[in-house]
Amino acid sequence: MSSYTPIVYLGSPCNKDCSYCDRGYITSDIGDTRLKEDQIPELINFIDSITKGDEEPIIGFHGGEPLLFTKQMTQIISYYIATRKNPRFSLLTNATLVERNHEFFEKFN
């Protein structure tokens, strides 16, 4: 098991505006943030450095709504599937976009 569970903050955009959400301070204090595709190699290098030697890292995705960022998640997940024995992933989502992203879930089972 991984000694660190890196959480990847994909970005602040969300498809909902829930009154109980705690991300209000994020959008008001630091503004709109998004993980850009050209930042992914640097992010992967960082995750590799803190999970070095772990065969089964657990990498979490959240944000605003991570299912708005399936392209970025696909790049990261694909890398770890190709380079690690049994990587695991978690996703913190409001689940309203699961059906729309069924191909993403089918691809990664």
PDB file of N, CA and C in Angstrom:
ATOM      1  N   MET A   1       0.829  -1.177   0.000  1.00  0.00           N
ATOM      2  CA  MET A   1       0.000   0.000   0.000  1.00  0.00           C
ATOM      3  C   MET A   1       0.881   1.250   0.000  1.00  0.00           C
ATOM      4  N   SER A   2       0.395   2.275  -0.611  1.00  0.00           N
ATOM      5  CA  SER A   2       1.134   3.514  -0.745  1.00  0.00           C
ATOM      6  C   SER A   2       1.308   4.211   0.597  1.00  0.00           C
ATOM      7  N   SER A   3       2.499   4.765   0.811  1.00  0.00           N
ATOM      8  CA  SER A   3       2.711   5.528   2.027  1.00  0.00           C
ATOM      9  C   SER A   3       2.123   6.934   1.891  1.00  0.00           C
ATOM     10  N   TYR A   4       1.888   7.371   0.685  1.00  0.00           N
ATOM     11  CA  TYR A   4       1.229   8.641   0.405  1.00  0.00           C
ATOM     12  C   TYR A   4       0.091   8.382  -0.567  1.00  0.00           C
ATOM     13  N   THR A   5      -0.989   9.101  -0.379  1.00  0.00           N
ATOM     14  CA  THR A   5      -2.081   9.045  -1.338  1.00  0.00           C
ATOM     15  C   THR A   5      -2.198  10.427  -1.958  1.00  0.00           C
ATOM     16  N   PRO A   6      -1.538  10.626  -3.098  1.00  0.00           N
ATOM     17  CA  PRO A   6      -1.613  11.945  -3.716  1.00  0.00           C
ATOM     18  C   PRO A   6      -3.032  12.245  -4.198  1.00  0.00           C
ATOM     19  N   ILE A   7      -3.481  13.446  -3.925  1.00  0.00           N
ATOM     20  CA  ILE A   7      -4.780  13.907  -4.382  1.00  0.00           C
ATOM     21  C   ILE A   7      -4.524  14.938  -5.476  1.00  0.00           C
ATOM     22  N   VAL A   8      -5.035  14.673  -6.654  1.00  0.00           N
ATOM     23  CA  VAL A   8      -4.842  15.560  -7.793  1.00  0.00           C
ATOM     24  C   VAL A   8      -6.059  16.481  -7.891  1.00  0.00           C
ATOM     25  N   TYR A   9      -5.814  17.759  -7.690  1.00  0.00           N
ATOM     26  CA  TYR A   9      -6.862  18.774  -7.822  1.00  0.00           C
ATOM     27  C   TYR A   9      -6.907  19.162  -9.292  1.00  0.00           C
ATOM     28  N   LEU A  10      -7.947  18.758  -9.989  1.00  0.00           N
ATOM     29  CA  LEU A  10      -8.029  18.946 -11.427  1.00  0.00           C
ATOM     30  C   LEU A  10      -8.467  20.346 -11.839  1.00  0.00           C
ATOM     31  N   GLY A  11      -9.212  21.000 -11.000  1.00  0.00           N
ATOM     32  CA  GLY A  11      -9.644  22.356 -11.310  1.00  0.00           C
ATOM     33  C   GLY A  11     -10.880  22.743 -10.536  1.00  0.00           C
ATOM     34  N   SER A  12     -11.151  24.024 -10.502  1.00  0.00           N
ATOM     35  CA  SER A  12     -12.274  24.525  -9.721  1.00  0.00           C
ATOM     36  C   SER A  12     -13.627  24.465 -10.429  1.00  0.00           C
ATOM     37  N   PRO A  13     -13.696  24.375 -11.754  1.00  0.00           N
ATOM     38  CA  PRO A  13     -15.020  24.346 -12.383  1.00  0.00           C
ATOM     39  C   PRO A  13     -15.875  23.155 -11.920  1.00  0.00           C
ATOM     40  N   CYS A  14     -17.158  23.451 -11.790  1.00  0.00           N
ATOM     41  CA  CYS A  14     -18.120  22.426 -11.400  1.00  0.00           C
ATOM     42  C   CYS A  14     -19.402  22.678 -12.187  1.00  0.00           C
ATOM     43  N   ASN A  15     -20.140  21.622 -12.424  1.00  0.00           N
ATOM     44  CA  ASN A  15     -21.399  21.743 -13.153  1.00  0.00           C
ATOM     45  C   ASN A  15     -22.585  22.033 -12.230  1.00  0.00           C
ATOM     46  N   LYS A  16     -22.339  22.137 -10.942  1.00  0.00           N
ATOM     47  CA  LYS A  16     -23.392  22.415  -9.964  1.00  0.00           C
ATOM     48  C   LYS A  16     -22.998  23.631  -9.129  1.00  0.00           C
ATOM     49  N   ASP A  17     -23.934  24.131  -8.380  1.00  0.00           N
ATOM     50  CA  ASP A  17     -23.678  25.233  -7.464  1.00  0.00           C
ATOM     51  C   ASP A  17     -24.394  24.933  -6.153  1.00  0.00           C
ATOM     52  N   CYS A  18     -23.941  23.902  -5.486  1.00  0.00           N
ATOM     53  CA  CYS A  18     -24.596  23.422  -4.267  1.00  0.00           C
ATOM     54  C   CYS A  18     -24.340  24.376  -3.107  1.00  0.00           C
ATOM     55  N   SER A  19     -25.367  24.639  -2.331  1.00  0.00           N
ATOM     56  CA  SER A  19     -25.252  25.579  -1.213  1.00  0.00           C
ATOM     57  C   SER A  19     -24.309  25.060  -0.126  1.00  0.00           C
ATOM     58  N   TYR A  20     -24.149  23.754  -0.014  1.00  0.00           N
ATOM     59  CA  TYR A  20     -23.320  23.172   1.048  1.00  0.00           C
ATOM     60  C   TYR A  20     -21.873  22.927   0.612  1.00  0.00           C
ATOM     61  N   CYS A  21     -21.536  23.215  -0.619  1.00  0.00           N
ATOM     62  CA  CYS A  21     -20.195  22.934  -1.131  1.00  0.00           C
ATOM     63  C   CYS A  21     -19.160  23.826  -0.461  1.00  0.00           C
ATOM     64  N   ASP A  22     -17.987  23.246  -0.191  1.00  0.00           N
ATOM     65  CA  ASP A  22     -16.923  24.005   0.467  1.00  0.00           C
ATOM     66  C   ASP A  22     -15.948  24.638  -0.518  1.00  0.00           C
ATOM     67  N   ARG A  23     -16.220  24.579  -1.802  1.00  0.00           N
ATOM     68  CA  ARG A  23     -15.267  25.117  -2.760  1.00  0.00           C
ATOM     69  C   ARG A  23     -15.436  26.605  -3.016  1.00  0.00           C
ATOM     70  N   GLY A  24     -16.384  27.237  -2.367  1.00  0.00           N
ATOM     71  CA  GLY A  24     -16.587  28.673  -2.540  1.00  0.00           C
ATOM     72  C   GLY A  24     -15.345  29.479  -2.221  1.00  0.00           C
ATOM     73  N   TYR A  25     -14.628  29.085  -1.164  1.00  0.00           N
ATOM     74  CA  TYR A  25     -13.408  29.818  -0.802  1.00  0.00           C
ATOM     75  C   TYR A  25     -12.345  29.667  -1.882  1.00  0.00           C
ATOM     76  N   ILE A  26     -12.367  28.573  -2.602  1.00  0.00           N
ATOM     77  CA  ILE A  26     -11.372  28.358  -3.655  1.00  0.00           C
ATOM     78  C   ILE A  26     -11.614  29.321  -4.799  1.00  0.00           C
ATOM     79  N   THR A  27     -12.824  29.358  -5.293  1.00  0.00           N
ATOM     80  CA  THR A  27     -13.096  30.205  -6.446  1.00  0.00           C
ATOM     81  C   THR A  27     -13.016  31.685  -6.096  1.00  0.00           C
ATOM     82  N   SER A  28     -13.341  32.062  -4.859  1.00  0.00           N
ATOM     83  CA  SER A  28     -13.279  33.484  -4.513  1.00  0.00           C
ATOM     84  C   SER A  28     -11.859  33.919  -4.152  1.00  0.00           C
ATOM     85  N   ASP A  29     -11.082  33.050  -3.501  1.00  0.00           N
ATOM     86  CA  ASP A  29      -9.747  33.436  -3.060  1.00  0.00           C
ATOM     87  C   ASP A  29      -8.666  33.299  -4.140  1.00  0.00           C
ATOM     88  N   ILE A  30      -8.722  32.226  -4.908  1.00  0.00           N
ATOM     89  CA  ILE A  30      -7.661  32.016  -5.900  1.00  0.00           C
ATOM     90  C   ILE A  30      -8.171  32.015  -7.328  1.00  0.00           C
ATOM     91  N   GLY A  31      -9.460  32.103  -7.502  1.00  0.00           N
ATOM     92  CA  GLY A  31     -10.024  32.177  -8.841  1.00  0.00           C
ATOM     93  C   GLY A  31     -10.100  30.820  -9.512  1.00  0.00           C
ATOM     94  N   ASP A  32     -10.422  30.846 -10.767  1.00  0.00           N
ATOM     95  CA  ASP A  32     -10.599  29.628 -11.559  1.00  0.00           C
ATOM     96  C   ASP A  32      -9.248  28.964 -11.806  1.00  0.00           C
ATOM     97  N   THR A  33      -9.122  27.727 -11.390  1.00  0.00           N
ATOM     98  CA  THR A  33      -7.888  26.983 -11.628  1.00  0.00           C
ATOM     99  C   THR A  33      -8.217  25.729 -12.415  1.00  0.00           C
ATOM    100  N   ARG A  34      -7.286  25.289 -13.233  1.00  0.00           N
ATOM    101  CA  ARG A  34      -7.455  24.075 -14.032  1.00  0.00           C
ATOM    102  C   ARG A  34      -6.089  23.456 -14.281  1.00  0.00           C
ATOM    103  N   LEU A  35      -6.020  22.130 -14.165  1.00  0.00           N
ATOM    104  CA  LEU A  35      -4.798  21.417 -14.516  1.00  0.00           C
ATOM    105  C   LEU A  35      -4.691  21.406 -16.033  1.00  0.00           C
ATOM    106  N   LYS A  36      -3.638  22.007 -16.535  1.00  0.00           N
ATOM    107  CA  LYS A  36      -3.436  22.062 -17.989  1.00  0.00           C
ATOM    108  C   LYS A  36      -2.667  20.822 -18.447  1.00  0.00           C
ATOM    109  N   GLU A  37      -2.930  20.411 -19.655  1.00  0.00           N
ATOM    110  CA  GLU A  37      -2.300  19.195 -20.177  1.00  0.00           C
ATOM    111  C   GLU A  37      -0.781  19.273 -20.154  1.00  0.00           C
ATOM    112  N   ASP A  38      -0.208  20.449 -20.396  1.00  0.00           N
ATOM    113  CA  ASP A  38       1.254  20.550 -20.394  1.00  0.00           C
ATOM    114  C   ASP A  38       1.843  20.484 -18.984  1.00  0.00           C
ATOM    115  N   GLN A  39       1.001  20.525 -17.948  1.00  0.00           N
ATOM    116  CA  GLN A  39       1.459  20.382 -16.570  1.00  0.00           C
ATOM    117  C   GLN A  39       1.481  18.919 -16.106  1.00  0.00           C
ATOM    118  N   ILE A  40       0.872  18.042 -16.878  1.00  0.00           N
ATOM    119  CA  ILE A  40       0.741  16.647 -16.462  1.00  0.00           C
ATOM    120  C   ILE A  40       2.088  15.949 -16.292  1.00  0.00           C
ATOM    121  N   PRO A  41       3.063  16.106 -17.200  1.00  0.00           N
ATOM    122  CA  PRO A  41       4.363  15.450 -16.963  1.00  0.00           C
ATOM    123  C   PRO A  41       5.017  15.867 -15.644  1.00  0.00           C
ATOM    124  N   GLU A  42       4.936  17.137 -15.295  1.00  0.00           N
ATOM    125  CA  GLU A  42       5.503  17.603 -14.029  1.00  0.00           C
ATOM    126  C   GLU A  42       4.736  17.000 -12.844  1.00  0.00           C
ATOM    127  N   LEU A  43       3.435  16.920 -12.957  1.00  0.00           N
ATOM    128  CA  LEU A  43       2.617  16.312 -11.911  1.00  0.00           C
ATOM    129  C   LEU A  43       2.973  14.843 -11.742  1.00  0.00           C
ATOM    130  N   ILE A  44       3.113  14.131 -12.846  1.00  0.00           N
ATOM    131  CA  ILE A  44       3.483  12.712 -12.793  1.00  0.00           C
ATOM    132  C   ILE A  44       4.856  12.542 -12.133  1.00  0.00           C
ATOM    133  N   ASN A  45       5.806  13.403 -12.487  1.00  0.00           N
ATOM    134  CA  ASN A  45       7.131  13.332 -11.854  1.00  0.00           C
ATOM    135  C   ASN A  45       7.028  13.519 -10.339  1.00  0.00           C
ATOM    136  N   PHE A  46       6.180  14.445  -9.919  1.00  0.00           N
ATOM    137  CA  PHE A  46       5.998  14.670  -8.486  1.00  0.00           C
ATOM    138  C   PHE A  46       5.370  13.442  -7.822  1.00  0.00           C
ATOM    139  N   ILE A  47       4.307  12.924  -8.414  1.00  0.00           N
ATOM    140  CA  ILE A  47       3.654  11.737  -7.840  1.00  0.00           C
ATOM    141  C   ILE A  47       4.643  10.578  -7.786  1.00  0.00           C
ATOM    142  N   ASP A  48       5.416  10.388  -8.841  1.00  0.00           N
ATOM    143  CA  ASP A  48       6.427   9.325  -8.847  1.00  0.00           C
ATOM    144  C   ASP A  48       7.433   9.506  -7.715  1.00  0.00           C
ATOM    145  N   SER A  49       7.816  10.749  -7.451  1.00  0.00           N
ATOM    146  CA  SER A  49       8.819  10.983  -6.410  1.00  0.00           C
ATOM    147  C   SER A  49       8.298  10.666  -5.013  1.00  0.00           C
ATOM    148  N   ILE A  50       7.004  10.865  -4.765  1.00  0.00           N
ATOM    149  CA  ILE A  50       6.490  10.598  -3.416  1.00  0.00           C
ATOM    150  C   ILE A  50       5.923   9.185  -3.262  1.00  0.00           C
ATOM    151  N   THR A  51       5.761   8.477  -4.375  1.00  0.00           N
ATOM    152  CA  THR A  51       5.263   7.099  -4.284  1.00  0.00           C
ATOM    153  C   THR A  51       6.327   6.115  -4.751  1.00  0.00           C
ATOM    154  N   LYS A  52       7.563   6.564  -4.794  1.00  0.00           N
ATOM    155  CA  LYS A  52       8.679   5.738  -5.265  1.00  0.00           C
ATOM    156  C   LYS A  52       8.714   4.413  -4.511  1.00  0.00           C
ATOM    157  N   GLY A  53       8.777   3.331  -5.258  1.00  0.00           N
ATOM    158  CA  GLY A  53       8.838   2.007  -4.663  1.00  0.00           C
ATOM    159  C   GLY A  53       7.480   1.395  -4.374  1.00  0.00           C
ATOM    160  N   ASP A  54       6.433   2.177  -4.431  1.00  0.00           N
ATOM    161  CA  ASP A  54       5.092   1.643  -4.205  1.00  0.00           C
ATOM    162  C   ASP A  54       4.586   0.982  -5.478  1.00  0.00           C
ATOM    163  N   GLU A  55       4.239  -0.287  -5.382  1.00  0.00           N
ATOM    164  CA  GLU A  55       3.699  -0.970  -6.549  1.00  0.00           C
ATOM    165  C   GLU A  55       2.245  -0.611  -6.794  1.00  0.00           C
ATOM    166  N   GLU A  56       1.546  -0.267  -5.725  1.00  0.00           N
ATOM    167  CA  GLU A  56       0.122   0.010  -5.833  1.00  0.00           C
ATOM    168  C   GLU A  56      -0.218   1.394  -5.285  1.00  0.00           C
ATOM    169  N   PRO A  57       0.168   2.445  -5.989  1.00  0.00           N
ATOM    170  CA  PRO A  57      -0.200   3.770  -5.479  1.00  0.00           C
ATOM    171  C   PRO A  57      -1.717   3.960  -5.563  1.00  0.00           C
ATOM    172  N   ILE A  58      -2.225   4.773  -4.664  1.00  0.00           N
ATOM    173  CA  ILE A  58      -3.630   5.188  -4.725  1.00  0.00           C
ATOM    174  C   ILE A  58      -3.609   6.669  -5.068  1.00  0.00           C
ATOM    175  N   ILE A  59      -4.183   7.026  -6.190  1.00  0.00           N
ATOM    176  CA  ILE A  59      -4.182   8.416  -6.637  1.00  0.00           C
ATOM    177  C   ILE A  59      -5.628   8.886  -6.658  1.00  0.00           C
ATOM    178  N   GLY A  60      -5.882   9.975  -5.947  1.00  0.00           N
ATOM    179  CA  GLY A  60      -7.235  10.516  -5.871  1.00  0.00           C
ATOM    180  C   GLY A  60      -7.407  11.707  -6.791  1.00  0.00           C
ATOM    181  N   PHE A  61      -8.606  11.841  -7.326  1.00  0.00           N
ATOM    182  CA  PHE A  61      -8.940  12.982  -8.189  1.00  0.00           C
ATOM    183  C   PHE A  61     -10.120  13.732  -7.583  1.00  0.00           C
ATOM    184  N   HIS A  62      -9.981  15.053  -7.498  1.00  0.00           N
ATOM    185  CA  HIS A  62     -11.117  15.865  -7.100  1.00  0.00           C
ATOM    186  C   HIS A  62     -10.935  17.265  -7.645  1.00  0.00           C
ATOM    187  N   GLY A  63     -11.821  18.132  -7.302  1.00  0.00           N
ATOM    188  CA  GLY A  63     -11.724  19.495  -7.780  1.00  0.00           C
ATOM    189  C   GLY A  63     -12.935  20.250  -7.323  1.00  0.00           C
ATOM    190  N   GLY A  64     -13.364  21.003  -8.228  1.00  0.00           N
ATOM    191  CA  GLY A  64     -14.735  21.251  -8.542  1.00  0.00           C
ATOM    192  C   GLY A  64     -15.284  19.877  -8.894  1.00  0.00           C
ATOM    193  N   GLU A  65     -15.561  19.635 -10.128  1.00  0.00           N
ATOM    194  CA  GLU A  65     -16.086  18.335 -10.578  1.00  0.00           C
ATOM    195  C   GLU A  65     -15.059  17.658 -11.474  1.00  0.00           C
ATOM    196  N   PRO A  66     -14.421  16.573 -11.002  1.00  0.00           N
ATOM    197  CA  PRO A  66     -13.373  15.918 -11.781  1.00  0.00           C
ATOM    198  C   PRO A  66     -13.842  15.339 -13.113  1.00  0.00           C
ATOM    199  N   LEU A  67     -15.117  15.012 -13.219  1.00  0.00           N
ATOM    200  CA  LEU A  67     -15.589  14.444 -14.492  1.00  0.00           C
ATOM    201  C   LEU A  67     -15.671  15.486 -15.604  1.00  0.00           C
ATOM    202  N   LEU A  68     -15.365  16.729 -15.293  1.00  0.00           N
ATOM    203  CA  LEU A  68     -15.184  17.747 -16.331  1.00  0.00           C
ATOM    204  C   LEU A  68     -13.768  17.686 -16.909  1.00  0.00           C
ATOM    205  N   PHE A  69     -12.929  16.830 -16.333  1.00  0.00           N
ATOM    206  CA  PHE A  69     -11.512  16.758 -16.702  1.00  0.00           C
ATOM    207  C   PHE A  69     -11.106  15.332 -17.082  1.00  0.00           C
ATOM    208  N   THR A  70     -11.949  14.628 -17.803  1.00  0.00           N
ATOM    209  CA  THR A  70     -11.630  13.231 -18.134  1.00  0.00           C
ATOM    210  C   THR A  70     -10.412  13.120 -19.043  1.00  0.00           C
ATOM    211  N   LYS A  71     -10.153  14.113 -19.852  1.00  0.00           N
ATOM    212  CA  LYS A  71      -8.974  14.071 -20.723  1.00  0.00           C
ATOM    213  C   LYS A  71      -7.688  14.045 -19.892  1.00  0.00           C
ATOM    214  N   GLN A  72      -7.612  14.899 -18.879  1.00  0.00           N
ATOM    215  CA  GLN A  72      -6.444  14.932 -18.017  1.00  0.00           C
ATOM    216  C   GLN A  72      -6.349  13.650 -17.181  1.00  0.00           C
ATOM    217  N   MET A  73      -7.476  13.197 -16.642  1.00  0.00           N
ATOM    218  CA  MET A  73      -7.456  11.956 -15.853  1.00  0.00           C
ATOM    219  C   MET A  73      -7.032  10.773 -16.716  1.00  0.00           C
ATOM    220  N   THR A  74      -7.480  10.734 -17.954  1.00  0.00           N
ATOM    221  CA  THR A  74      -7.102   9.639 -18.857  1.00  0.00           C
ATOM    222  C   THR A  74      -5.596   9.592 -19.042  1.00  0.00           C
ATOM    223  N   GLN A  75      -4.959  10.736 -19.219  1.00  0.00           N
ATOM    224  CA  GLN A  75      -3.502  10.767 -19.385  1.00  0.00           C
ATOM    225  C   GLN A  75      -2.788  10.242 -18.139  1.00  0.00           C
ATOM    226  N   ILE A  76      -3.229  10.677 -16.982  1.00  0.00           N
ATOM    227  CA  ILE A  76      -2.586  10.277 -15.736  1.00  0.00           C
ATOM    228  C   ILE A  76      -2.824   8.795 -15.458  1.00  0.00           C
ATOM    229  N   ILE A  77      -4.062   8.364 -15.562  1.00  0.00           N
ATOM    230  CA  ILE A  77      -4.399   6.958 -15.307  1.00  0.00           C
ATOM    231  C   ILE A  77      -3.672   6.045 -16.284  1.00  0.00           C
ATOM    232  N   SER A  78      -3.655   6.406 -17.548  1.00  0.00           N
ATOM    233  CA  SER A  78      -2.980   5.580 -18.566  1.00  0.00           C
ATOM    234  C   SER A  78      -1.503   5.415 -18.251  1.00  0.00           C
ATOM    235  N   TYR A  79      -0.860   6.486 -17.812  1.00  0.00           N
ATOM    236  CA  TYR A  79       0.553   6.405 -17.447  1.00  0.00           C
ATOM    237  C   TYR A  79       0.758   5.387 -16.324  1.00  0.00           C
ATOM    238  N   TYR A  80      -0.043   5.489 -15.280  1.00  0.00           N
ATOM    239  CA  TYR A  80       0.154   4.603 -14.125  1.00  0.00           C
ATOM    240  C   TYR A  80      -0.247   3.162 -14.421  1.00  0.00           C
ATOM    241  N   ILE A  81      -1.206   2.954 -15.261  1.00  0.00           N
ATOM    242  CA  ILE A  81      -1.552   1.587 -15.664  1.00  0.00           C
ATOM    243  C   ILE A  81      -0.387   0.966 -16.434  1.00  0.00           C
ATOM    244  N   ALA A  82       0.295   1.782 -17.234  1.00  0.00           N
ATOM    245  CA  ALA A  82       1.415   1.285 -18.038  1.00  0.00           C
ATOM    246  C   ALA A  82       2.700   1.105 -17.233  1.00  0.00           C
ATOM    247  N   THR A  83       2.843   1.815 -16.119  1.00  0.00           N
ATOM    248  CA  THR A  83       4.135   1.818 -15.421  1.00  0.00           C
ATOM    249  C   THR A  83       4.121   1.199 -14.029  1.00  0.00           C
ATOM    250  N   ARG A  84       2.977   0.920 -13.477  1.00  0.00           N
ATOM    251  CA  ARG A  84       2.892   0.360 -12.125  1.00  0.00           C
ATOM    252  C   ARG A  84       2.159  -0.967 -12.153  1.00  0.00           C
ATOM    253  N   LYS A  85       2.432  -1.766 -11.148  1.00  0.00           N
ATOM    254  CA  LYS A  85       1.872  -3.118 -11.096  1.00  0.00           C
ATOM    255  C   LYS A  85       0.354  -3.102 -10.940  1.00  0.00           C
ATOM    256  N   ASN A  86      -0.145  -2.385  -9.973  1.00  0.00           N
ATOM    257  CA  ASN A  86      -1.585  -2.401  -9.710  1.00  0.00           C
ATOM    258  C   ASN A  86      -2.025  -1.059  -9.117  1.00  0.00           C
ATOM    259  N   PRO A  87      -1.970   0.009  -9.921  1.00  0.00           N
ATOM    260  CA  PRO A  87      -2.359   1.305  -9.366  1.00  0.00           C
ATOM    261  C   PRO A  87      -3.856   1.340  -9.078  1.00  0.00           C
ATOM    262  N   ARG A  88      -4.213   2.148  -8.103  1.00  0.00           N
ATOM    263  CA  ARG A  88      -5.621   2.335  -7.780  1.00  0.00           C
ATOM    264  C   ARG A  88      -5.937   3.825  -7.797  1.00  0.00           C
ATOM    265  N   PHE A  89      -7.197   4.121  -8.041  1.00  0.00           N
ATOM    266  CA  PHE A  89      -7.615   5.503  -8.187  1.00  0.00           C
ATOM    267  C   PHE A  89      -8.913   5.728  -7.433  1.00  0.00           C
ATOM    268  N   SER A  90      -9.076   6.930  -6.920  1.00  0.00           N
ATOM    269  CA  SER A  90     -10.343   7.303  -6.302  1.00  0.00           C
ATOM    270  C   SER A  90     -10.819   8.597  -6.962  1.00  0.00           C
ATOM    271  N   LEU A  91     -12.108   8.803  -6.876  1.00  0.00           N
ATOM    272  CA  LEU A  91     -12.725   9.937  -7.555  1.00  0.00           C
ATOM    273  C   LEU A  91     -13.789  10.529  -6.644  1.00  0.00           C
ATOM    274  N   LEU A  92     -13.652  11.800  -6.314  1.00  0.00           N
ATOM    275  CA  LEU A  92     -14.646  12.500  -5.516  1.00  0.00           C
ATOM    276  C   LEU A  92     -15.500  13.312  -6.477  1.00  0.00           C
ATOM    277  N   THR A  93     -16.721  12.875  -6.678  1.00  0.00           N
ATOM    278  CA  THR A  93     -17.581  13.466  -7.695  1.00  0.00           C
ATOM    279  C   THR A  93     -18.987  13.678  -7.159  1.00  0.00           C
ATOM    280  N   ASN A  94     -19.720  14.583  -7.784  1.00  0.00           N
ATOM    281  CA  ASN A  94     -21.124  14.748  -7.433  1.00  0.00           C
ATOM    282  C   ASN A  94     -21.994  13.744  -8.201  1.00  0.00           C
ATOM    283  N   ALA A  95     -21.384  12.978  -9.074  1.00  0.00           N
ATOM    284  CA  ALA A  95     -21.988  11.858  -9.814  1.00  0.00           C
ATOM    285  C   ALA A  95     -23.023  12.259 -10.859  1.00  0.00           C
ATOM    286  N   THR A  96     -23.215  13.520 -11.093  1.00  0.00           N
ATOM    287  CA  THR A  96     -24.210  13.920 -12.089  1.00  0.00           C
ATOM    288  C   THR A  96     -23.720  13.734 -13.524  1.00  0.00           C
ATOM    289  N   LEU A  97     -22.419  13.536 -13.707  1.00  0.00           N
ATOM    290  CA  LEU A  97     -21.856  13.381 -15.053  1.00  0.00           C
ATOM    291  C   LEU A  97     -21.391  11.951 -15.332  1.00  0.00           C
ATOM    292  N   VAL A  98     -21.730  11.023 -14.465  1.00  0.00           N
ATOM    293  CA  VAL A  98     -21.284   9.638 -14.639  1.00  0.00           C
ATOM    294  C   VAL A  98     -21.823   9.064 -15.948  1.00  0.00           C
ATOM    295  N   GLU A  99     -23.101   9.205 -16.190  1.00  0.00           N
ATOM    296  CA  GLU A  99     -23.708   8.637 -17.403  1.00  0.00           C
ATOM    297  C   GLU A  99     -23.098   9.256 -18.656  1.00  0.00           C
ATOM    298  N   ARG A 100     -22.907  10.548 -18.637  1.00  0.00           N
ATOM    299  CA  ARG A 100     -22.315  11.247 -19.785  1.00  0.00           C
ATOM    300  C   ARG A 100     -20.897  10.768 -20.070  1.00  0.00           C
ATOM    301  N   ASN A 101     -20.194  10.318 -19.037  1.00  0.00           N
ATOM    302  CA  ASN A 101     -18.811   9.869 -19.175  1.00  0.00           C
ATOM    303  C   ASN A 101     -18.681   8.355 -19.089  1.00  0.00           C
ATOM    304  N   HIS A 102     -19.704   7.636 -19.531  1.00  0.00           N
ATOM    305  CA  HIS A 102     -19.685   6.171 -19.417  1.00  0.00           C
ATOM    306  C   HIS A 102     -18.492   5.553 -20.145  1.00  0.00           C
ATOM    307  N   GLU A 103     -18.052   6.149 -21.258  1.00  0.00           N
ATOM    308  CA  GLU A 103     -16.898   5.598 -21.989  1.00  0.00           C
ATOM    309  C   GLU A 103     -15.625   5.670 -21.150  1.00  0.00           C
ATOM    310  N   PHE A 104     -15.465   6.719 -20.383  1.00  0.00           N
ATOM    311  CA  PHE A 104     -14.320   6.862 -19.485  1.00  0.00           C
ATOM    312  C   PHE A 104     -14.310   5.717 -18.477  1.00  0.00           C
ATOM    313  N   PHE A 105     -15.467   5.445 -17.862  1.00  0.00           N
ATOM    314  CA  PHE A 105     -15.550   4.387 -16.870  1.00  0.00           C
ATOM    315  C   PHE A 105     -15.391   3.002 -17.493  1.00  0.00           C
ATOM    316  N   GLU A 106     -15.923   2.815 -18.691  1.00  0.00           N
ATOM    317  CA  GLU A 106     -15.744   1.535 -19.377  1.00  0.00           C
ATOM    318  C   GLU A 106     -14.282   1.297 -19.734  1.00  0.00           C
ATOM    319  N   LYS A 107     -13.601   2.347 -20.161  1.00  0.00           N
ATOM    320  CA  LYS A 107     -12.194   2.216 -20.540  1.00  0.00           C
ATOM    321  C   LYS A 107     -11.338   1.763 -19.365  1.00  0.00           C
ATOM    322  N   PHE A 108     -11.616   2.294 -18.186  1.00  0.00           N
ATOM    323  CA  PHE A 108     -10.785   1.987 -17.025  1.00  0.00           C
ATOM    324  C   PHE A 108     -11.452   1.025 -16.058  1.00  0.00           C
ATOM    325  N   ASN A 109     -12.563   0.470 -16.480  1.00  0.00           N
ATOM    326  CA  ASN A 109     -13.274  -0.565 -15.713  1.00  0.00           C
ATOM    327  C   ASN A 109     -13.521  -0.149 -14.294  1.00  0.00           C
TER     328      ASN A 109
END
